Amino acid sequence: MPVTLVQVDFPHAGPWGAEMASAFEGLAQSIAAEPGFLFKYWTEDQAQGIAGGIYGFASRAEAEAYLTMHTARLQGFGITGIRGLILDVNEPLSRIDKAPVL
């Protein structure tokens, strides 16, 4: 099955680690219910002051719809400097390099 990735990052002042997991558990549950959602790797880099994620979606259309909605949601939280990309996965090369391809 083809996977479309969404990559998002933005400036973030915390919380980090376990505190982030606790603070954003409800958001994580909401994301898991999005149409076409397959997975998300939550990303954070406290030294750079950024957070975000890598998401897998079943189709490009669902990935695009999610990125539009999520960008607006983040902006509603007062977050600026949001960067979002939609990327296709080259499955044959990803398999060689042991990526968990669905």
C-alpha atoms as a PDB file:
ATOM      1  CA  MET A   1       0.000   0.000   0.000  1.00  0.00           C
ATOM      2  CA  PRO A   2       1.441   3.411  -0.900  1.00  0.00           C
ATOM      3  CA  VAL A   3       2.134   5.725   2.022  1.00  0.00           C
ATOM      4  CA  THR A   4       2.138   9.508   1.834  1.00  0.00           C
ATOM      5  CA  LEU A   5       4.127  11.312   4.502  1.00  0.00           C
ATOM      6  CA  VAL A   6       3.395  14.650   6.118  1.00  0.00           C
ATOM      7  CA  GLN A   7       6.328  16.358   7.816  1.00  0.00           C
ATOM      8  CA  VAL A   8       5.552  19.242  10.166  1.00  0.00           C
ATOM      9  CA  ASP A   9       7.747  21.257  12.513  1.00  0.00           C
ATOM     10  CA  PHE A  10       7.369  24.539  14.342  1.00  0.00           C
ATOM     11  CA  PRO A  11       9.005  26.568  17.123  1.00  0.00           C
ATOM     12  CA  HIS A  12       8.198  25.064  20.523  1.00  0.00           C
ATOM     13  CA  ALA A  13       9.200  26.187  24.020  1.00  0.00           C
ATOM     14  CA  GLY A  14       8.074  23.001  25.783  1.00  0.00           C
ATOM     15  CA  PRO A  15       6.961  20.875  27.445  1.00  0.00           C
ATOM     16  CA  TRP A  16       9.329  18.091  26.410  1.00  0.00           C
ATOM     17  CA  GLY A  17       9.603  14.327  26.815  1.00  0.00           C
ATOM     18  CA  ALA A  18       7.258  12.740  29.346  1.00  0.00           C
ATOM     19  CA  GLU A  19       5.649  16.096  30.144  1.00  0.00           C
ATOM     20  CA  MET A  20       4.885  16.588  26.450  1.00  0.00           C
ATOM     21  CA  ALA A  21       3.405  13.089  26.262  1.00  0.00           C
ATOM     22  CA  SER A  22       1.120  13.850  29.178  1.00  0.00           C
ATOM     23  CA  ALA A  23       0.132  17.315  27.941  1.00  0.00           C
ATOM     24  CA  PHE A  24      -0.670  16.220  24.385  1.00  0.00           C
ATOM     25  CA  GLU A  25      -2.270  12.817  24.948  1.00  0.00           C
ATOM     26  CA  GLY A  26      -5.704  14.140  23.952  1.00  0.00           C
ATOM     27  CA  LEU A  27      -4.275  15.653  20.777  1.00  0.00           C
ATOM     28  CA  ALA A  28      -2.588  12.340  19.956  1.00  0.00           C
ATOM     29  CA  GLN A  29      -5.895  10.526  20.332  1.00  0.00           C
ATOM     30  CA  SER A  30      -7.566  13.078  18.049  1.00  0.00           C
ATOM     31  CA  ILE A  31      -4.869  12.662  15.393  1.00  0.00           C
ATOM     32  CA  ALA A  32      -5.271   8.864  15.505  1.00  0.00           C
ATOM     33  CA  ALA A  33      -8.912   9.267  14.421  1.00  0.00           C
ATOM     34  CA  GLU A  34      -8.165  11.346  11.297  1.00  0.00           C
ATOM     35  CA  PRO A  35      -9.302   9.929   7.930  1.00  0.00           C
ATOM     36  CA  GLY A  36      -6.565   7.898   6.254  1.00  0.00           C
ATOM     37  CA  PHE A  37      -4.217   8.195   9.255  1.00  0.00           C
ATOM     38  CA  LEU A  38      -1.704   5.332   9.549  1.00  0.00           C
ATOM     39  CA  PHE A  39       0.928   6.482  12.078  1.00  0.00           C
ATOM     40  CA  LYS A  40       2.789   9.423  13.569  1.00  0.00           C
ATOM     41  CA  TYR A  41       6.299   9.793  14.913  1.00  0.00           C
ATOM     42  CA  TRP A  42       6.231  12.694  17.374  1.00  0.00           C
ATOM     43  CA  THR A  43       9.442  14.717  17.045  1.00  0.00           C
ATOM     44  CA  GLU A  44      11.106  17.171  19.386  1.00  0.00           C
ATOM     45  CA  ASP A  45      14.466  18.886  19.698  1.00  0.00           C
ATOM     46  CA  GLN A  46      14.716  20.920  22.857  1.00  0.00           C
ATOM     47  CA  ALA A  47      18.143  22.348  21.925  1.00  0.00           C
ATOM     48  CA  GLN A  48      16.717  23.824  18.705  1.00  0.00           C
ATOM     49  CA  GLY A  49      13.350  24.654  20.266  1.00  0.00           C
ATOM     50  CA  ILE A  50      11.304  22.766  17.680  1.00  0.00           C
ATOM     51  CA  ALA A  51       8.646  20.073  17.766  1.00  0.00           C
ATOM     52  CA  GLY A  52       6.407  18.402  15.221  1.00  0.00           C
ATOM     53  CA  GLY A  53       6.028  15.049  13.611  1.00  0.00           C
ATOM     54  CA  ILE A  54       6.224  12.682  10.699  1.00  0.00           C
ATOM     55  CA  TYR A  55       2.805  11.289   9.772  1.00  0.00           C
ATOM     56  CA  GLY A  56       1.783   8.483   7.426  1.00  0.00           C
ATOM     57  CA  PHE A  57      -1.465   8.675   5.467  1.00  0.00           C
ATOM     58  CA  ALA A  58      -3.126   6.218   3.102  1.00  0.00           C
ATOM     59  CA  SER A  59      -3.515   8.794   0.315  1.00  0.00           C
ATOM     60  CA  ARG A  60      -2.138  12.118  -0.811  1.00  0.00           C
ATOM     61  CA  ALA A  61      -5.615  13.686  -0.655  1.00  0.00           C
ATOM     62  CA  GLU A  62      -5.999  12.672   3.003  1.00  0.00           C
ATOM     63  CA  ALA A  63      -2.481  13.942   3.770  1.00  0.00           C
ATOM     64  CA  GLU A  64      -3.237  17.293   2.116  1.00  0.00           C
ATOM     65  CA  ALA A  65      -6.529  17.655   3.987  1.00  0.00           C
ATOM     66  CA  TYR A  66      -4.818  16.842   7.272  1.00  0.00           C
ATOM     67  CA  LEU A  67      -1.971  19.314   6.706  1.00  0.00           C
ATOM     68  CA  THR A  68      -4.450  22.096   5.908  1.00  0.00           C
ATOM     69  CA  MET A  69      -6.514  21.338   9.024  1.00  0.00           C
ATOM     70  CA  HIS A  70      -3.514  20.848  11.313  1.00  0.00           C
ATOM     71  CA  THR A  71      -1.809  24.058  10.176  1.00  0.00           C
ATOM     72  CA  ALA A  72      -4.992  25.992  10.964  1.00  0.00           C
ATOM     73  CA  ARG A  73      -5.240  24.232  14.351  1.00  0.00           C
ATOM     74  CA  LEU A  74      -1.641  25.130  15.234  1.00  0.00           C
ATOM     75  CA  GLN A  75      -2.212  28.718  14.154  1.00  0.00           C
ATOM     76  CA  GLY A  76      -5.293  28.738  16.402  1.00  0.00           C
ATOM     77  CA  PHE A  77      -2.968  27.803  19.298  1.00  0.00           C
ATOM     78  CA  GLY A  78      -0.925  30.910  18.425  1.00  0.00           C
ATOM     79  CA  ILE A  79       1.913  28.975  16.797  1.00  0.00           C
ATOM     80  CA  THR A  80       3.760  30.678  13.938  1.00  0.00           C
ATOM     81  CA  GLY A  81       6.671  29.551  11.786  1.00  0.00           C
ATOM     82  CA  ILE A  82       4.948  26.291  10.859  1.00  0.00           C
ATOM     83  CA  ARG A  83       6.668  24.265   8.142  1.00  0.00           C
ATOM     84  CA  GLY A  84       4.751  21.477   6.440  1.00  0.00           C
ATOM     85  CA  LEU A  85       5.664  19.144   3.591  1.00  0.00           C
ATOM     86  CA  ILE A  86       3.844  16.345   1.823  1.00  0.00           C
ATOM     87  CA  LEU A  87       6.154  13.634   0.534  1.00  0.00           C
ATOM     88  CA  ASP A  88       5.707  10.395  -1.384  1.00  0.00           C
ATOM     89  CA  VAL A  89       7.609   7.304  -0.223  1.00  0.00           C
ATOM     90  CA  ASN A  90       9.861   5.403  -2.614  1.00  0.00           C
ATOM     91  CA  GLU A  91       8.934   1.970  -1.290  1.00  0.00           C
ATOM     92  CA  PRO A  92      11.582  -0.189  -3.039  1.00  0.00           C
ATOM     93  CA  LEU A  93      14.464   1.919  -1.709  1.00  0.00           C
ATOM     94  CA  SER A  94      12.819   2.321   1.688  1.00  0.00           C
ATOM     95  CA  ARG A  95      12.499  -1.464   2.020  1.00  0.00           C
ATOM     96  CA  ILE A  96      16.221  -1.894   1.286  1.00  0.00           C
ATOM     97  CA  ASP A  97      16.984   0.546   4.097  1.00  0.00           C
ATOM     98  CA  LYS A  98      14.618  -1.262   6.502  1.00  0.00           C
ATOM     99  CA  ALA A  99      11.969   1.438   6.756  1.00  0.00           C
ATOM    100  CA  PRO A 100       8.694   0.177   8.218  1.00  0.00           C
ATOM    101  CA  VAL A 101       6.763   0.386   4.943  1.00  0.00           C
ATOM    102  CA  LEU A 102       3.109  -0.667   5.159  1.00  0.00           C
END
